[in-house]
Amino acid sequence: MFMSEKELLKLAKEGHIDAFEKLIDAHQKRIYNISLKMLANEQDAFDASQDALLKVFKYLKNFKENSSFSTWVYKIAVNTCLDYINKNKKTSQNISLDETITQKDNETTLQFEDKGQNVFDLVLKSERERVLYDALNKLNSEQREMIILRDIEGFSYEEIAVITNNNLGTVKSKISRARIKLKELLLKNKELFLSFFVLITMNIFF
C-alpha cells in the first residue's frame, strides 16, 4: 500500500524500521554522491554516508518539520562530511565528478554513463574533469561545499541556506566568492579553460 512521506515519517518516528527504510531509500544514493564529491575518497564517502544515515535514524524524533525532510537529511550528510574533512585533510584519491551510484544485491558500485563519445572526446572529458577535481580540492571546505551543493548537485539557494545554517544573502555571497576562486584556479590551465567553461561549467560563472 502506498504511503505518503508524512505517513512514513510518523511511523518512523514511532520506531517502525520498515517505514524508516522506505523513507530514506530515495535519498541514499544522493547522500553517497554528495559524500564522494566532498571527500574524494570512496571509503571515506561510504563511511560518512553510513554515519549520516545513523544520525538521521538517531535524531529523527527531533526533526521538527520546519523544513522538508530531504533538506534536513542532506544537512546532516553535509555536516558529517565537513566533520570528516576537519578530521582528515587528505582527499587525494581521484574520483570522477560524473560517477553515479547504483545498488545491486545490496552491493554499492560506481557506474560510468556511456554517452557514445569517441576516444578523443572521452580523453578530453576526462582531462576536464581532472582539472575541475584538482581545482575543487584547492578550495577550502566551505567553498567546496558551496560549489558542490549549488553547481554540481543543483540545490536551490533556499535549500543551501537551510543545509548550511546561513541566511539567503550570506549563501549567495559565499557561492559568488567560491565561484570566483574556482574560476581563478581554472584559469591557470588556459589551454583547457575555454572549452571546459563552455561545455561543463557555464552555469557556474553566470
C-alpha atoms as a PDB file:
ATOM      1  CA  MET A   1       0.000   0.000   0.000  1.00  0.00           C
ATOM      2  CA  PHE A   2       1.324   3.421  -0.977  1.00  0.00           C
ATOM      3  CA  MET A   3       2.123   5.706   1.928  1.00  0.00           C
ATOM      4  CA  SER A   4       2.971   9.386   1.782  1.00  0.00           C
ATOM      5  CA  GLU A   5       6.227  10.752   3.157  1.00  0.00           C
ATOM      6  CA  LYS A   6       4.302  12.302   6.027  1.00  0.00           C
ATOM      7  CA  GLU A   7       2.764   8.944   6.939  1.00  0.00           C
ATOM      8  CA  LEU A   8       6.114   7.166   6.695  1.00  0.00           C
ATOM      9  CA  LEU A   9       7.721   9.875   8.801  1.00  0.00           C
ATOM     10  CA  LYS A  10       5.129   9.446  11.528  1.00  0.00           C
ATOM     11  CA  LEU A  11       5.649   5.675  11.624  1.00  0.00           C
ATOM     12  CA  ALA A  12       9.436   6.013  11.507  1.00  0.00           C
ATOM     13  CA  LYS A  13       9.366   8.388  14.462  1.00  0.00           C
ATOM     14  CA  GLU A  14       7.386   5.744  16.330  1.00  0.00           C
ATOM     15  CA  GLY A  15      10.196   3.255  15.726  1.00  0.00           C
ATOM     16  CA  HIS A  16       8.977   1.327  12.682  1.00  0.00           C
ATOM     17  CA  ILE A  17      12.168   0.244  10.884  1.00  0.00           C
ATOM     18  CA  ASP A  18      10.377  -0.654   7.635  1.00  0.00           C
ATOM     19  CA  ALA A  19       8.938   2.846   7.447  1.00  0.00           C
ATOM     20  CA  PHE A  20      12.361   4.383   8.047  1.00  0.00           C
ATOM     21  CA  GLU A  21      13.939   2.265   5.309  1.00  0.00           C
ATOM     22  CA  LYS A  22      11.269   3.322   2.821  1.00  0.00           C
ATOM     23  CA  LEU A  23      11.618   6.929   3.911  1.00  0.00           C
ATOM     24  CA  ILE A  24      15.380   7.027   3.467  1.00  0.00           C
ATOM     25  CA  ASP A  25      15.589   4.858   0.350  1.00  0.00           C
ATOM     26  CA  ALA A  26      15.053   7.764  -2.043  1.00  0.00           C
ATOM     27  CA  HIS A  27      17.960   9.688  -0.518  1.00  0.00           C
ATOM     28  CA  GLN A  28      20.722   7.100  -0.041  1.00  0.00           C
ATOM     29  CA  LYS A  29      22.289   7.432  -3.487  1.00  0.00           C
ATOM     30  CA  ARG A  30      22.424  11.218  -3.357  1.00  0.00           C
ATOM     31  CA  ILE A  31      23.866  11.152   0.157  1.00  0.00           C
ATOM     32  CA  TYR A  32      26.678   8.923  -1.101  1.00  0.00           C
ATOM     33  CA  ASN A  33      27.241  11.041  -4.206  1.00  0.00           C
ATOM     34  CA  ILE A  34      27.484  14.226  -2.145  1.00  0.00           C
ATOM     35  CA  SER A  35      29.877  12.489   0.257  1.00  0.00           C
ATOM     36  CA  LEU A  36      32.037  11.217  -2.599  1.00  0.00           C
ATOM     37  CA  LYS A  37      32.323  14.646  -4.186  1.00  0.00           C
ATOM     38  CA  MET A  38      33.091  16.368  -0.900  1.00  0.00           C
ATOM     39  CA  LEU A  39      35.570  13.793   0.392  1.00  0.00           C
ATOM     40  CA  ALA A  40      37.010  12.466  -2.898  1.00  0.00           C
ATOM     41  CA  ASN A  41      37.652   9.095  -1.318  1.00  0.00           C
ATOM     42  CA  GLU A  42      35.431   6.042  -1.745  1.00  0.00           C
ATOM     43  CA  GLN A  43      35.969   4.590   1.717  1.00  0.00           C
ATOM     44  CA  ASP A  44      35.523   7.928   3.476  1.00  0.00           C
ATOM     45  CA  ALA A  45      32.412   8.610   1.398  1.00  0.00           C
ATOM     46  CA  PHE A  46      30.946   5.228   2.310  1.00  0.00           C
ATOM     47  CA  ASP A  47      31.757   5.698   5.994  1.00  0.00           C
ATOM     48  CA  ALA A  48      30.422   9.255   6.055  1.00  0.00           C
ATOM     49  CA  SER A  49      27.196   8.317   4.289  1.00  0.00           C
ATOM     50  CA  GLN A  50      26.632   5.459   6.729  1.00  0.00           C
ATOM     51  CA  ASP A  51      27.343   7.760   9.673  1.00  0.00           C
ATOM     52  CA  ALA A  52      24.899  10.283   8.246  1.00  0.00           C
ATOM     53  CA  LEU A  53      22.167   7.664   7.919  1.00  0.00           C
ATOM     54  CA  LEU A  54      22.740   6.567  11.511  1.00  0.00           C
ATOM     55  CA  LYS A  55      22.418  10.182  12.642  1.00  0.00           C
ATOM     56  CA  VAL A  56      19.192  10.569  10.672  1.00  0.00           C
ATOM     57  CA  PHE A  57      17.807   7.497  12.434  1.00  0.00           C
ATOM     58  CA  LYS A  58      19.087   8.591  15.844  1.00  0.00           C
ATOM     59  CA  TYR A  59      17.760  12.146  15.652  1.00  0.00           C
ATOM     60  CA  LEU A  60      14.610  11.524  13.634  1.00  0.00           C
ATOM     61  CA  LYS A  61      12.385  12.187  16.631  1.00  0.00           C
ATOM     62  CA  ASN A  62      13.965  15.644  16.898  1.00  0.00           C
ATOM     63  CA  PHE A  63      13.017  16.580  13.331  1.00  0.00           C
ATOM     64  CA  LYS A  64      10.536  19.447  13.752  1.00  0.00           C
ATOM     65  CA  GLU A  65       9.390  19.512  10.106  1.00  0.00           C
ATOM     66  CA  ASN A  66      10.213  23.211   9.762  1.00  0.00           C
ATOM     67  CA  SER A  67      11.942  22.296   6.503  1.00  0.00           C
ATOM     68  CA  SER A  68      11.469  19.410   4.109  1.00  0.00           C
ATOM     69  CA  PHE A  69      12.683  16.003   5.262  1.00  0.00           C
ATOM     70  CA  SER A  70      15.099  15.773   2.321  1.00  0.00           C
ATOM     71  CA  THR A  71      16.714  19.123   3.159  1.00  0.00           C
ATOM     72  CA  TRP A  72      17.148  18.036   6.777  1.00  0.00           C
ATOM     73  CA  VAL A  73      18.722  14.744   5.659  1.00  0.00           C
ATOM     74  CA  TYR A  74      21.183  16.443   3.298  1.00  0.00           C
ATOM     75  CA  LYS A  75      22.077  18.932   6.003  1.00  0.00           C
ATOM     76  CA  ILE A  76      23.124  16.025   8.220  1.00  0.00           C
ATOM     77  CA  ALA A  77      25.060  14.458   5.327  1.00  0.00           C
ATOM     78  CA  VAL A  78      26.948  17.671   4.541  1.00  0.00           C
ATOM     79  CA  ASN A  79      27.779  18.336   8.196  1.00  0.00           C
ATOM     80  CA  THR A  80      29.037  14.772   8.556  1.00  0.00           C
ATOM     81  CA  CYS A  81      31.318  15.271   5.547  1.00  0.00           C
ATOM     82  CA  LEU A  82      32.622  18.531   6.987  1.00  0.00           C
ATOM     83  CA  ASP A  83      33.457  16.677  10.198  1.00  0.00           C
ATOM     84  CA  TYR A  84      35.426  14.142   8.146  1.00  0.00           C
ATOM     85  CA  ILE A  85      37.253  16.925   6.300  1.00  0.00           C
ATOM     86  CA  ASN A  86      38.194  18.598   9.565  1.00  0.00           C
ATOM     87  CA  LYS A  87      39.451  15.309  10.995  1.00  0.00           C
ATOM     88  CA  ASN A  88      41.286  14.199   7.909  1.00  0.00           C
ATOM     89  CA  LYS A  89      42.620  16.764   5.453  1.00  0.00           C
ATOM     90  CA  LYS A  90      43.905  14.267   2.895  1.00  0.00           C
ATOM     91  CA  THR A  91      41.484  13.863  -0.012  1.00  0.00           C
ATOM     92  CA  SER A  92      43.831  12.619  -2.665  1.00  0.00           C
ATOM     93  CA  GLN A  93      42.045   9.801  -4.484  1.00  0.00           C
ATOM     94  CA  ASN A  94      40.959  10.829  -7.966  1.00  0.00           C
ATOM     95  CA  ILE A  95      37.223  10.217  -8.329  1.00  0.00           C
ATOM     96  CA  SER A  96      35.297  11.396 -11.394  1.00  0.00           C
ATOM     97  CA  LEU A  97      32.639  14.018 -10.755  1.00  0.00           C
ATOM     98  CA  ASP A  98      30.343  12.159 -13.148  1.00  0.00           C
ATOM     99  CA  GLU A  99      30.357   8.918 -11.176  1.00  0.00           C
ATOM    100  CA  THR A 100      26.958   7.760 -10.052  1.00  0.00           C
ATOM    101  CA  ILE A 101      25.868   5.146  -7.579  1.00  0.00           C
ATOM    102  CA  THR A 102      23.849   2.049  -8.290  1.00  0.00           C
ATOM    103  CA  GLN A 103      22.625  -0.617  -5.921  1.00  0.00           C
ATOM    104  CA  LYS A 104      22.596  -4.274  -6.880  1.00  0.00           C
ATOM    105  CA  ASP A 105      22.190  -7.180  -4.491  1.00  0.00           C
ATOM    106  CA  ASN A 106      22.998  -4.881  -1.558  1.00  0.00           C
ATOM    107  CA  GLU A 107      26.354  -4.016  -3.104  1.00  0.00           C
ATOM    108  CA  THR A 108      27.287  -0.411  -3.795  1.00  0.00           C
ATOM    109  CA  THR A 109      29.034   0.093  -7.130  1.00  0.00           C
ATOM    110  CA  LEU A 110      30.276   3.018  -9.160  1.00  0.00           C
ATOM    111  CA  GLN A 111      28.909   3.312 -12.670  1.00  0.00           C
ATOM    112  CA  PHE A 112      30.020   5.493 -15.566  1.00  0.00           C
ATOM    113  CA  GLU A 113      27.479   6.594 -18.137  1.00  0.00           C
ATOM    114  CA  ASP A 114      28.429   5.802 -21.738  1.00  0.00           C
ATOM    115  CA  LYS A 115      27.116   8.574 -23.965  1.00  0.00           C
ATOM    116  CA  GLY A 116      28.671   7.233 -27.129  1.00  0.00           C
ATOM    117  CA  GLN A 117      31.662   9.583 -27.206  1.00  0.00           C
ATOM    118  CA  ASN A 118      34.658   8.717 -29.343  1.00  0.00           C
ATOM    119  CA  VAL A 119      38.060   8.132 -27.765  1.00  0.00           C
ATOM    120  CA  PHE A 120      39.198  11.738 -28.265  1.00  0.00           C
ATOM    121  CA  ASP A 121      36.052  13.099 -26.617  1.00  0.00           C
ATOM    122  CA  LEU A 122      36.421  10.722 -23.677  1.00  0.00           C
ATOM    123  CA  VAL A 123      40.067  11.679 -23.139  1.00  0.00           C
ATOM    124  CA  LEU A 124      39.256  15.389 -23.330  1.00  0.00           C
ATOM    125  CA  LYS A 125      36.293  14.948 -20.981  1.00  0.00           C
ATOM    126  CA  SER A 126      38.483  13.046 -18.517  1.00  0.00           C
ATOM    127  CA  GLU A 127      41.094  15.810 -18.633  1.00  0.00           C
ATOM    128  CA  ARG A 128      38.478  18.489 -17.990  1.00  0.00           C
ATOM    129  CA  GLU A 129      37.195  16.518 -15.015  1.00  0.00           C
ATOM    130  CA  ARG A 130      40.726  16.191 -13.672  1.00  0.00           C
ATOM    131  CA  VAL A 131      41.232  19.945 -13.918  1.00  0.00           C
ATOM    132  CA  LEU A 132      37.968  20.651 -12.082  1.00  0.00           C
ATOM    133  CA  TYR A 133      38.710  17.986  -9.482  1.00  0.00           C
ATOM    134  CA  ASP A 134      42.153  19.437  -8.781  1.00  0.00           C
ATOM    135  CA  ALA A 135      40.694  22.938  -8.553  1.00  0.00           C
ATOM    136  CA  LEU A 136      37.930  21.837  -6.173  1.00  0.00           C
ATOM    137  CA  ASN A 137      40.474  20.253  -3.862  1.00  0.00           C
ATOM    138  CA  LYS A 138      42.339  23.568  -3.676  1.00  0.00           C
ATOM    139  CA  LEU A 139      39.242  25.340  -2.366  1.00  0.00           C
ATOM    140  CA  ASN A 140      38.669  25.458   1.363  1.00  0.00           C
ATOM    141  CA  SER A 141      35.958  23.156   2.707  1.00  0.00           C
ATOM    142  CA  GLU A 142      33.297  25.883   2.778  1.00  0.00           C
ATOM    143  CA  GLN A 143      33.955  26.968  -0.811  1.00  0.00           C
ATOM    144  CA  ARG A 144      33.950  23.355  -2.000  1.00  0.00           C
ATOM    145  CA  GLU A 145      30.701  22.745  -0.132  1.00  0.00           C
ATOM    146  CA  MET A 146      29.026  25.712  -1.849  1.00  0.00           C
ATOM    147  CA  ILE A 147      30.145  24.728  -5.353  1.00  0.00           C
ATOM    148  CA  ILE A 148      29.121  21.097  -4.886  1.00  0.00           C
ATOM    149  CA  LEU A 149      25.701  21.899  -3.433  1.00  0.00           C
ATOM    150  CA  ARG A 150      24.776  24.612  -5.923  1.00  0.00           C
ATOM    151  CA  ASP A 151      26.602  23.923  -9.176  1.00  0.00           C
ATOM    152  CA  ILE A 152      27.094  20.155  -9.117  1.00  0.00           C
ATOM    153  CA  GLU A 153      24.160  18.836  -7.078  1.00  0.00           C
ATOM    154  CA  GLY A 154      21.776  21.636  -8.088  1.00  0.00           C
ATOM    155  CA  PHE A 155      20.308  22.574  -4.707  1.00  0.00           C
ATOM    156  CA  SER A 156      18.402  25.858  -4.627  1.00  0.00           C
ATOM    157  CA  TYR A 157      19.785  28.840  -2.719  1.00  0.00           C
ATOM    158  CA  GLU A 158      16.972  28.402  -0.206  1.00  0.00           C
ATOM    159  CA  GLU A 159      17.833  24.739   0.371  1.00  0.00           C
ATOM    160  CA  ILE A 160      21.516  25.564   0.777  1.00  0.00           C
ATOM    161  CA  ALA A 161      20.624  28.229   3.340  1.00  0.00           C
ATOM    162  CA  VAL A 162      18.870  25.589   5.441  1.00  0.00           C
ATOM    163  CA  ILE A 163      21.558  22.946   4.914  1.00  0.00           C
ATOM    164  CA  THR A 164      24.409  25.277   5.882  1.00  0.00           C
ATOM    165  CA  ASN A 165      22.648  27.323   8.588  1.00  0.00           C
ATOM    166  CA  ASN A 166      23.112  30.601   6.719  1.00  0.00           C
ATOM    167  CA  ASN A 167      20.671  33.271   5.628  1.00  0.00           C
ATOM    168  CA  LEU A 168      19.902  33.613   1.928  1.00  0.00           C
ATOM    169  CA  GLY A 169      22.077  36.674   1.376  1.00  0.00           C
ATOM    170  CA  THR A 170      25.072  35.016   3.008  1.00  0.00           C
ATOM    171  CA  VAL A 171      24.633  31.905   0.875  1.00  0.00           C
ATOM    172  CA  LYS A 172      24.562  33.913  -2.353  1.00  0.00           C
ATOM    173  CA  SER A 173      27.645  35.845  -1.269  1.00  0.00           C
ATOM    174  CA  LYS A 174      29.569  32.680  -0.328  1.00  0.00           C
ATOM    175  CA  ILE A 175      28.632  30.960  -3.586  1.00  0.00           C
ATOM    176  CA  SER A 176      29.722  34.005  -5.572  1.00  0.00           C
ATOM    177  CA  ARG A 177      33.094  34.114  -3.799  1.00  0.00           C
ATOM    178  CA  ALA A 178      33.571  30.361  -4.234  1.00  0.00           C
ATOM    179  CA  ARG A 179      32.826  30.634  -7.966  1.00  0.00           C
ATOM    180  CA  ILE A 180      35.313  33.477  -8.347  1.00  0.00           C
ATOM    181  CA  LYS A 181      38.003  31.457  -6.558  1.00  0.00           C
ATOM    182  CA  LEU A 182      37.269  28.354  -8.641  1.00  0.00           C
ATOM    183  CA  LYS A 183      37.409  30.416 -11.823  1.00  0.00           C
ATOM    184  CA  GLU A 184      40.796  31.821 -10.787  1.00  0.00           C
ATOM    185  CA  LEU A 185      42.121  28.310 -10.237  1.00  0.00           C
ATOM    186  CA  LEU A 186      40.756  27.047 -13.549  1.00  0.00           C
ATOM    187  CA  LEU A 187      42.179  30.000 -15.472  1.00  0.00           C
ATOM    188  CA  LYS A 188      45.657  28.763 -14.602  1.00  0.00           C
ATOM    189  CA  ASN A 189      45.038  25.996 -17.160  1.00  0.00           C
ATOM    190  CA  LYS A 190      44.450  28.326 -20.098  1.00  0.00           C
ATOM    191  CA  GLU A 191      44.563  25.586 -22.742  1.00  0.00           C
ATOM    192  CA  LEU A 192      41.532  23.792 -21.335  1.00  0.00           C
ATOM    193  CA  PHE A 193      39.642  26.574 -19.625  1.00  0.00           C
ATOM    194  CA  LEU A 194      37.619  27.893 -22.568  1.00  0.00           C
ATOM    195  CA  SER A 195      36.166  24.554 -23.656  1.00  0.00           C
ATOM    196  CA  PHE A 196      35.773  23.492 -20.048  1.00  0.00           C
ATOM    197  CA  PHE A 197      33.948  26.723 -19.259  1.00  0.00           C
ATOM    198  CA  VAL A 198      31.565  26.415 -22.198  1.00  0.00           C
ATOM    199  CA  LEU A 199      30.789  22.703 -22.039  1.00  0.00           C
ATOM    200  CA  ILE A 200      30.864  21.884 -18.337  1.00  0.00           C
ATOM    201  CA  THR A 201      30.751  24.871 -16.011  1.00  0.00           C
ATOM    202  CA  MET A 202      28.886  27.532 -17.942  1.00  0.00           C
ATOM    203  CA  ASN A 203      26.307  27.874 -15.184  1.00  0.00           C
ATOM    204  CA  ILE A 204      28.997  28.367 -12.541  1.00  0.00           C
ATOM    205  CA  PHE A 205      30.043  31.817 -13.656  1.00  0.00           C
ATOM    206  CA  PHE A 206      26.722  33.455 -14.505  1.00  0.00           C
END
